[in-house]
Amino acid sequence: MTLLNLAQIIASIILVLIILSQVREAGSGMFGSAQNTIRTRRGLERTMFQMTIVLIVVFLVVSTLSARFPG
């Protein structure tokens, strides 16, 4: 297993955990529910949202590099 494959696995696991932890309402099921109101993100919620974006970019870059340079 190459370093790129390991980085891809780690990034994907962390990404899944962060996405699943962003459930907005406790009683709405595993994946949350649609909200009709628009509100701003603050504090930890904003940090987790930004971390999700960063991890998506990291995952895409690592996946592209892994496909480009199979090891």
PDB file of N, CA and C in Angstrom:
ATOM      1  N   MET A   1       0.856  -1.176   0.000  1.00  0.00           N
ATOM      2  CA  MET A   1       0.000   0.000   0.000  1.00  0.00           C
ATOM      3  C   MET A   1       0.903   1.241   0.000  1.00  0.00           C
ATOM      4  N   THR A   2       0.638   2.125  -0.908  1.00  0.00           N
ATOM      5  CA  THR A   2       1.466   3.312  -1.015  1.00  0.00           C
ATOM      6  C   THR A   2       0.990   4.398  -0.049  1.00  0.00           C
ATOM      7  N   LEU A   3       1.810   5.400   0.079  1.00  0.00           N
ATOM      8  CA  LEU A   3       1.487   6.524   0.957  1.00  0.00           C
ATOM      9  C   LEU A   3       0.248   7.280   0.470  1.00  0.00           C
ATOM     10  N   LEU A   4       0.093   7.389  -0.852  1.00  0.00           N
ATOM     11  CA  LEU A   4      -1.091   8.069  -1.399  1.00  0.00           C
ATOM     12  C   LEU A   4      -2.371   7.302  -1.079  1.00  0.00           C
ATOM     13  N   ASN A   5      -2.301   5.978  -1.170  1.00  0.00           N
ATOM     14  CA  ASN A   5      -3.495   5.184  -0.839  1.00  0.00           C
ATOM     15  C   ASN A   5      -3.846   5.322   0.634  1.00  0.00           C
ATOM     16  N   LEU A   6      -2.848   5.311   1.490  1.00  0.00           N
ATOM     17  CA  LEU A   6      -3.085   5.469   2.920  1.00  0.00           C
ATOM     18  C   LEU A   6      -3.675   6.848   3.230  1.00  0.00           C
ATOM     19  N   ALA A   7      -3.147   7.889   2.597  1.00  0.00           N
ATOM     20  CA  ALA A   7      -3.668   9.242   2.789  1.00  0.00           C
ATOM     21  C   ALA A   7      -5.110   9.345   2.298  1.00  0.00           C
ATOM     22  N   GLN A   8      -5.427   8.666   1.217  1.00  0.00           N
ATOM     23  CA  GLN A   8      -6.782   8.679   0.679  1.00  0.00           C
ATOM     24  C   GLN A   8      -7.753   7.982   1.634  1.00  0.00           C
ATOM     25  N   ILE A   9      -7.347   6.867   2.206  1.00  0.00           N
ATOM     26  CA  ILE A   9      -8.202   6.151   3.157  1.00  0.00           C
ATOM     27  C   ILE A   9      -8.438   6.981   4.407  1.00  0.00           C
ATOM     28  N   ILE A  10      -7.385   7.581   4.938  1.00  0.00           N
ATOM     29  CA  ILE A  10      -7.513   8.400   6.145  1.00  0.00           C
ATOM     30  C   ILE A  10      -8.398   9.613   5.891  1.00  0.00           C
ATOM     31  N   ALA A  11      -8.191  10.295   4.761  1.00  0.00           N
ATOM     32  CA  ALA A  11      -9.009  11.471   4.428  1.00  0.00           C
ATOM     33  C   ALA A  11     -10.472  11.087   4.259  1.00  0.00           C
ATOM     34  N   SER A  12     -10.737   9.939   3.648  1.00  0.00           N
ATOM     35  CA  SER A  12     -12.133   9.537   3.441  1.00  0.00           C
ATOM     36  C   SER A  12     -12.819   9.181   4.756  1.00  0.00           C
ATOM     37  N   ILE A  13     -12.115   8.517   5.661  1.00  0.00           N
ATOM     38  CA  ILE A  13     -12.711   8.166   6.954  1.00  0.00           C
ATOM     39  C   ILE A  13     -13.020   9.422   7.761  1.00  0.00           C
ATOM     40  N   ILE A  14     -12.064  10.356   7.814  1.00  0.00           N
ATOM     41  CA  ILE A  14     -12.285  11.603   8.551  1.00  0.00           C
ATOM     42  C   ILE A  14     -13.425  12.399   7.920  1.00  0.00           C
ATOM     43  N   LEU A  15     -13.475  12.423   6.598  1.00  0.00           N
ATOM     44  CA  LEU A  15     -14.538  13.150   5.899  1.00  0.00           C
ATOM     45  C   LEU A  15     -15.912  12.573   6.207  1.00  0.00           C
ATOM     46  N   VAL A  16     -16.042  11.268   6.204  1.00  0.00           N
ATOM     47  CA  VAL A  16     -17.323  10.629   6.526  1.00  0.00           C
ATOM     48  C   VAL A  16     -17.726  10.947   7.960  1.00  0.00           C
ATOM     49  N   LEU A  17     -16.785  10.875   8.891  1.00  0.00           N
ATOM     50  CA  LEU A  17     -17.096  11.161  10.289  1.00  0.00           C
ATOM     51  C   LEU A  17     -17.533  12.609  10.494  1.00  0.00           C
ATOM     52  N   ILE A  18     -16.883  13.537   9.824  1.00  0.00           N
ATOM     53  CA  ILE A  18     -17.252  14.946   9.966  1.00  0.00           C
ATOM     54  C   ILE A  18     -18.622  15.209   9.357  1.00  0.00           C
ATOM     55  N   ILE A  19     -18.896  14.624   8.208  1.00  0.00           N
ATOM     56  CA  ILE A  19     -20.201  14.832   7.571  1.00  0.00           C
ATOM     57  C   ILE A  19     -21.315  14.240   8.432  1.00  0.00           C
ATOM     58  N   LEU A  20     -21.103  13.053   8.977  1.00  0.00           N
ATOM     59  CA  LEU A  20     -22.134  12.435   9.802  1.00  0.00           C
ATOM     60  C   LEU A  20     -22.323  13.150  11.133  1.00  0.00           C
ATOM     61  N   SER A  21     -21.311  13.853  11.596  1.00  0.00           N
ATOM     62  CA  SER A  21     -21.443  14.563  12.875  1.00  0.00           C
ATOM     63  C   SER A  21     -22.137  15.912  12.722  1.00  0.00           C
ATOM     64  N   GLN A  22     -22.443  16.313  11.510  1.00  0.00           N
ATOM     65  CA  GLN A  22     -23.087  17.597  11.284  1.00  0.00           C
ATOM     66  C   GLN A  22     -24.606  17.497  11.244  1.00  0.00           C
ATOM     67  N   VAL A  23     -25.177  16.562  11.969  1.00  0.00           N
ATOM     68  CA  VAL A  23     -26.632  16.422  12.058  1.00  0.00           C
ATOM     69  C   VAL A  23     -27.160  17.613  12.837  1.00  0.00           C
ATOM     70  N   ARG A  24     -28.161  18.273  12.309  1.00  0.00           N
ATOM     71  CA  ARG A  24     -28.628  19.527  12.907  1.00  0.00           C
ATOM     72  C   ARG A  24     -29.652  19.328  14.004  1.00  0.00           C
ATOM     73  N   GLU A  25     -30.550  18.388  13.834  1.00  0.00           N
ATOM     74  CA  GLU A  25     -31.599  18.184  14.828  1.00  0.00           C
ATOM     75  C   GLU A  25     -31.489  16.766  15.365  1.00  0.00           C
ATOM     76  N   ALA A  26     -31.624  16.608  16.673  1.00  0.00           N
ATOM     77  CA  ALA A  26     -31.386  15.312  17.304  1.00  0.00           C
ATOM     78  C   ALA A  26     -32.386  14.253  16.878  1.00  0.00           C
ATOM     79  N   GLY A  27     -33.644  14.577  16.738  1.00  0.00           N
ATOM     80  CA  GLY A  27     -34.656  13.574  16.442  1.00  0.00           C
ATOM     81  C   GLY A  27     -34.982  13.412  14.979  1.00  0.00           C
ATOM     82  N   SER A  28     -34.143  13.863  14.095  1.00  0.00           N
ATOM     83  CA  SER A  28     -34.506  13.876  12.679  1.00  0.00           C
ATOM     84  C   SER A  28     -33.877  12.752  11.877  1.00  0.00           C
ATOM     85  N   GLY A  29     -33.285  11.766  12.522  1.00  0.00           N
ATOM     86  CA  GLY A  29     -32.692  10.659  11.789  1.00  0.00           C
ATOM     87  C   GLY A  29     -31.206  10.850  11.595  1.00  0.00           C
ATOM     88  N   MET A  30     -30.605   9.920  10.897  1.00  0.00           N
ATOM     89  CA  MET A  30     -29.145   9.897  10.785  1.00  0.00           C
ATOM     90  C   MET A  30     -28.594  11.028   9.928  1.00  0.00           C
ATOM     91  N   PHE A  31     -29.284  11.417   8.892  1.00  0.00           N
ATOM     92  CA  PHE A  31     -28.738  12.380   7.956  1.00  0.00           C
ATOM     93  C   PHE A  31     -29.365  13.761   8.060  1.00  0.00           C
ATOM     94  N   GLY A  32     -30.055  14.063   9.139  1.00  0.00           N
ATOM     95  CA  GLY A  32     -30.635  15.385   9.308  1.00  0.00           C
ATOM     96  C   GLY A  32     -31.882  15.557   8.471  1.00  0.00           C
ATOM     97  N   SER A  33     -32.369  16.762   8.413  1.00  0.00           N
ATOM     98  CA  SER A  33     -33.573  17.044   7.637  1.00  0.00           C
ATOM     99  C   SER A  33     -33.408  18.381   6.927  1.00  0.00           C
ATOM    100  N   ALA A  34     -34.231  18.599   5.933  1.00  0.00           N
ATOM    101  CA  ALA A  34     -34.183  19.864   5.208  1.00  0.00           C
ATOM    102  C   ALA A  34     -34.733  20.980   6.080  1.00  0.00           C
ATOM    103  N   GLN A  35     -34.101  22.115   6.003  1.00  0.00           N
ATOM    104  CA  GLN A  35     -34.575  23.259   6.769  1.00  0.00           C
ATOM    105  C   GLN A  35     -35.099  24.318   5.822  1.00  0.00           C
ATOM    106  N   ASN A  36     -36.155  24.965   6.239  1.00  0.00           N
ATOM    107  CA  ASN A  36     -36.766  25.987   5.401  1.00  0.00           C
ATOM    108  C   ASN A  36     -36.222  27.375   5.701  1.00  0.00           C
ATOM    109  N   THR A  37     -35.486  27.524   6.773  1.00  0.00           N
ATOM    110  CA  THR A  37     -34.954  28.831   7.130  1.00  0.00           C
ATOM    111  C   THR A  37     -33.480  28.920   6.777  1.00  0.00           C
ATOM    112  N   ILE A  38     -33.053  30.119   6.482  1.00  0.00           N
ATOM    113  CA  ILE A  38     -31.646  30.365   6.185  1.00  0.00           C
ATOM    114  C   ILE A  38     -31.015  30.960   7.432  1.00  0.00           C
ATOM    115  N   ARG A  39     -29.917  30.379   7.858  1.00  0.00           N
ATOM    116  CA  ARG A  39     -29.243  30.905   9.039  1.00  0.00           C
ATOM    117  C   ARG A  39     -27.746  30.848   8.818  1.00  0.00           C
ATOM    118  N   THR A  40     -27.007  31.590   9.608  1.00  0.00           N
ATOM    119  CA  THR A  40     -25.560  31.617   9.461  1.00  0.00           C
ATOM    120  C   THR A  40     -24.927  30.568  10.358  1.00  0.00           C
ATOM    121  N   ARG A  41     -23.780  30.086   9.929  1.00  0.00           N
ATOM    122  CA  ARG A  41     -23.031  29.127  10.731  1.00  0.00           C
ATOM    123  C   ARG A  41     -22.120  29.891  11.676  1.00  0.00           C
ATOM    124  N   ARG A  42     -22.023  29.406  12.907  1.00  0.00           N
ATOM    125  CA  ARG A  42     -21.177  30.070  13.893  1.00  0.00           C
ATOM    126  C   ARG A  42     -20.414  29.035  14.697  1.00  0.00           C
ATOM    127  N   GLY A  43     -19.268  29.444  15.189  1.00  0.00           N
ATOM    128  CA  GLY A  43     -18.499  28.626  16.108  1.00  0.00           C
ATOM    129  C   GLY A  43     -18.056  27.304  15.529  1.00  0.00           C
ATOM    130  N   LEU A  44     -18.335  26.230  16.282  1.00  0.00           N
ATOM    131  CA  LEU A  44     -17.902  24.892  15.892  1.00  0.00           C
ATOM    132  C   LEU A  44     -18.541  24.449  14.581  1.00  0.00           C
ATOM    133  N   GLU A  45     -19.792  24.823  14.367  1.00  0.00           N
ATOM    134  CA  GLU A  45     -20.478  24.439  13.128  1.00  0.00           C
ATOM    135  C   GLU A  45     -19.770  25.033  11.904  1.00  0.00           C
ATOM    136  N   ARG A  46     -19.337  26.277  12.010  1.00  0.00           N
ATOM    137  CA  ARG A  46     -18.622  26.918  10.903  1.00  0.00           C
ATOM    138  C   ARG A  46     -17.266  26.255  10.674  1.00  0.00           C
ATOM    139  N   THR A  47     -16.568  25.944  11.771  1.00  0.00           N
ATOM    140  CA  THR A  47     -15.268  25.286  11.668  1.00  0.00           C
ATOM    141  C   THR A  47     -15.409  23.919  11.009  1.00  0.00           C
ATOM    142  N   MET A  48     -16.424  23.160  11.396  1.00  0.00           N
ATOM    143  CA  MET A  48     -16.637  21.844  10.804  1.00  0.00           C
ATOM    144  C   MET A  48     -17.013  21.950   9.326  1.00  0.00           C
ATOM    145  N   PHE A  49     -17.788  22.963   8.969  1.00  0.00           N
ATOM    146  CA  PHE A  49     -18.147  23.181   7.568  1.00  0.00           C
ATOM    147  C   PHE A  49     -16.898  23.492   6.732  1.00  0.00           C
ATOM    148  N   GLN A  50     -16.038  24.374   7.256  1.00  0.00           N
ATOM    149  CA  GLN A  50     -14.812  24.712   6.542  1.00  0.00           C
ATOM    150  C   GLN A  50     -13.863  23.519   6.459  1.00  0.00           C
ATOM    151  N   MET A  51     -13.810  22.728   7.542  1.00  0.00           N
ATOM    152  CA  MET A  51     -12.965  21.539   7.536  1.00  0.00           C
ATOM    153  C   MET A  51     -13.471  20.524   6.507  1.00  0.00           C
ATOM    154  N   THR A  52     -14.783  20.454   6.341  1.00  0.00           N
ATOM    155  CA  THR A  52     -15.359  19.559   5.339  1.00  0.00           C
ATOM    156  C   THR A  52     -14.907  19.961   3.942  1.00  0.00           C
ATOM    157  N   ILE A  53     -14.930  21.241   3.657  1.00  0.00           N
ATOM    158  CA  ILE A  53     -14.497  21.728   2.346  1.00  0.00           C
ATOM    159  C   ILE A  53     -13.021  21.427   2.117  1.00  0.00           C
ATOM    160  N   VAL A  54     -12.200  21.682   3.120  1.00  0.00           N
ATOM    161  CA  VAL A  54     -10.765  21.416   3.001  1.00  0.00           C
ATOM    162  C   VAL A  54     -10.508  19.923   2.777  1.00  0.00           C
ATOM    163  N   LEU A  55     -11.199  19.076   3.525  1.00  0.00           N
ATOM    164  CA  LEU A  55     -11.008  17.635   3.370  1.00  0.00           C
ATOM    165  C   LEU A  55     -11.486  17.127   2.014  1.00  0.00           C
ATOM    166  N   ILE A  56     -12.539  17.723   1.479  1.00  0.00           N
ATOM    167  CA  ILE A  56     -12.992  17.344   0.133  1.00  0.00           C
ATOM    168  C   ILE A  56     -11.911  17.677  -0.890  1.00  0.00           C
ATOM    169  N   VAL A  57     -11.318  18.849  -0.775  1.00  0.00           N
ATOM    170  CA  VAL A  57     -10.247  19.245  -1.700  1.00  0.00           C
ATOM    171  C   VAL A  57      -9.044  18.312  -1.546  1.00  0.00           C
ATOM    172  N   VAL A  58      -8.659  18.012  -0.307  1.00  0.00           N
ATOM    173  CA  VAL A  58      -7.531  17.106  -0.062  1.00  0.00           C
ATOM    174  C   VAL A  58      -7.829  15.732  -0.654  1.00  0.00           C
ATOM    175  N   PHE A  59      -9.033  15.230  -0.427  1.00  0.00           N
ATOM    176  CA  PHE A  59      -9.409  13.920  -0.963  1.00  0.00           C
ATOM    177  C   PHE A  59      -9.344  13.904  -2.490  1.00  0.00           C
ATOM    178  N   LEU A  60      -9.851  14.950  -3.129  1.00  0.00           N
ATOM    179  CA  LEU A  60      -9.821  15.007  -4.599  1.00  0.00           C
ATOM    180  C   LEU A  60      -8.395  15.080  -5.139  1.00  0.00           C
ATOM    181  N   VAL A  61      -7.550  15.866  -4.484  1.00  0.00           N
ATOM    182  CA  VAL A  61      -6.156  15.982  -4.933  1.00  0.00           C
ATOM    183  C   VAL A  61      -5.431  14.649  -4.759  1.00  0.00           C
ATOM    184  N   VAL A  62      -5.590  14.028  -3.606  1.00  0.00           N
ATOM    185  CA  VAL A  62      -4.930  12.742  -3.359  1.00  0.00           C
ATOM    186  C   VAL A  62      -5.457  11.675  -4.308  1.00  0.00           C
ATOM    187  N   SER A  63      -6.756  11.678  -4.567  1.00  0.00           N
ATOM    188  CA  SER A  63      -7.332  10.704  -5.501  1.00  0.00           C
ATOM    189  C   SER A  63      -6.793  10.901  -6.913  1.00  0.00           C
ATOM    190  N   THR A  64      -6.685  12.151  -7.332  1.00  0.00           N
ATOM    191  CA  THR A  64      -6.145  12.441  -8.656  1.00  0.00           C
ATOM    192  C   THR A  64      -4.684  12.009  -8.766  1.00  0.00           C
ATOM    193  N   LEU A  65      -3.887  12.326  -7.734  1.00  0.00           N
ATOM    194  CA  LEU A  65      -2.492  11.921  -7.738  1.00  0.00           C
ATOM    195  C   LEU A  65      -2.348  10.404  -7.698  1.00  0.00           C
ATOM    196  N   SER A  66      -3.199   9.749  -6.949  1.00  0.00           N
ATOM    197  CA  SER A  66      -3.150   8.295  -6.851  1.00  0.00           C
ATOM    198  C   SER A  66      -3.499   7.635  -8.182  1.00  0.00           C
ATOM    199  N   ALA A  67      -4.445   8.205  -8.900  1.00  0.00           N
ATOM    200  CA  ALA A  67      -4.805   7.667 -10.210  1.00  0.00           C
ATOM    201  C   ALA A  67      -3.739   7.969 -11.246  1.00  0.00           C
ATOM    202  N   ARG A  68      -3.101   9.120 -11.091  1.00  0.00           N
ATOM    203  CA  ARG A  68      -2.071   9.535 -12.045  1.00  0.00           C
ATOM    204  C   ARG A  68      -0.778   8.749 -11.880  1.00  0.00           C
ATOM    205  N   PHE A  69      -0.429   8.447 -10.623  1.00  0.00           N
ATOM    206  CA  PHE A  69       0.808   7.744 -10.311  1.00  0.00           C
ATOM    207  C   PHE A  69       0.504   6.486  -9.512  1.00  0.00           C
ATOM    208  N   PRO A  70      -0.017   5.456 -10.165  1.00  0.00           N
ATOM    209  CA  PRO A  70      -0.335   4.224  -9.417  1.00  0.00           C
ATOM    210  C   PRO A  70       0.949   3.584  -8.900  1.00  0.00           C
ATOM    211  N   GLY A  71       0.853   3.068  -7.695  1.00  0.00           N
ATOM    212  CA  GLY A  71       2.093   2.557  -7.123  1.00  0.00           C
ATOM    213  C   GLY A  71       1.969   1.180  -6.675  1.00  0.00           C
TER     214      GLY A  71
END
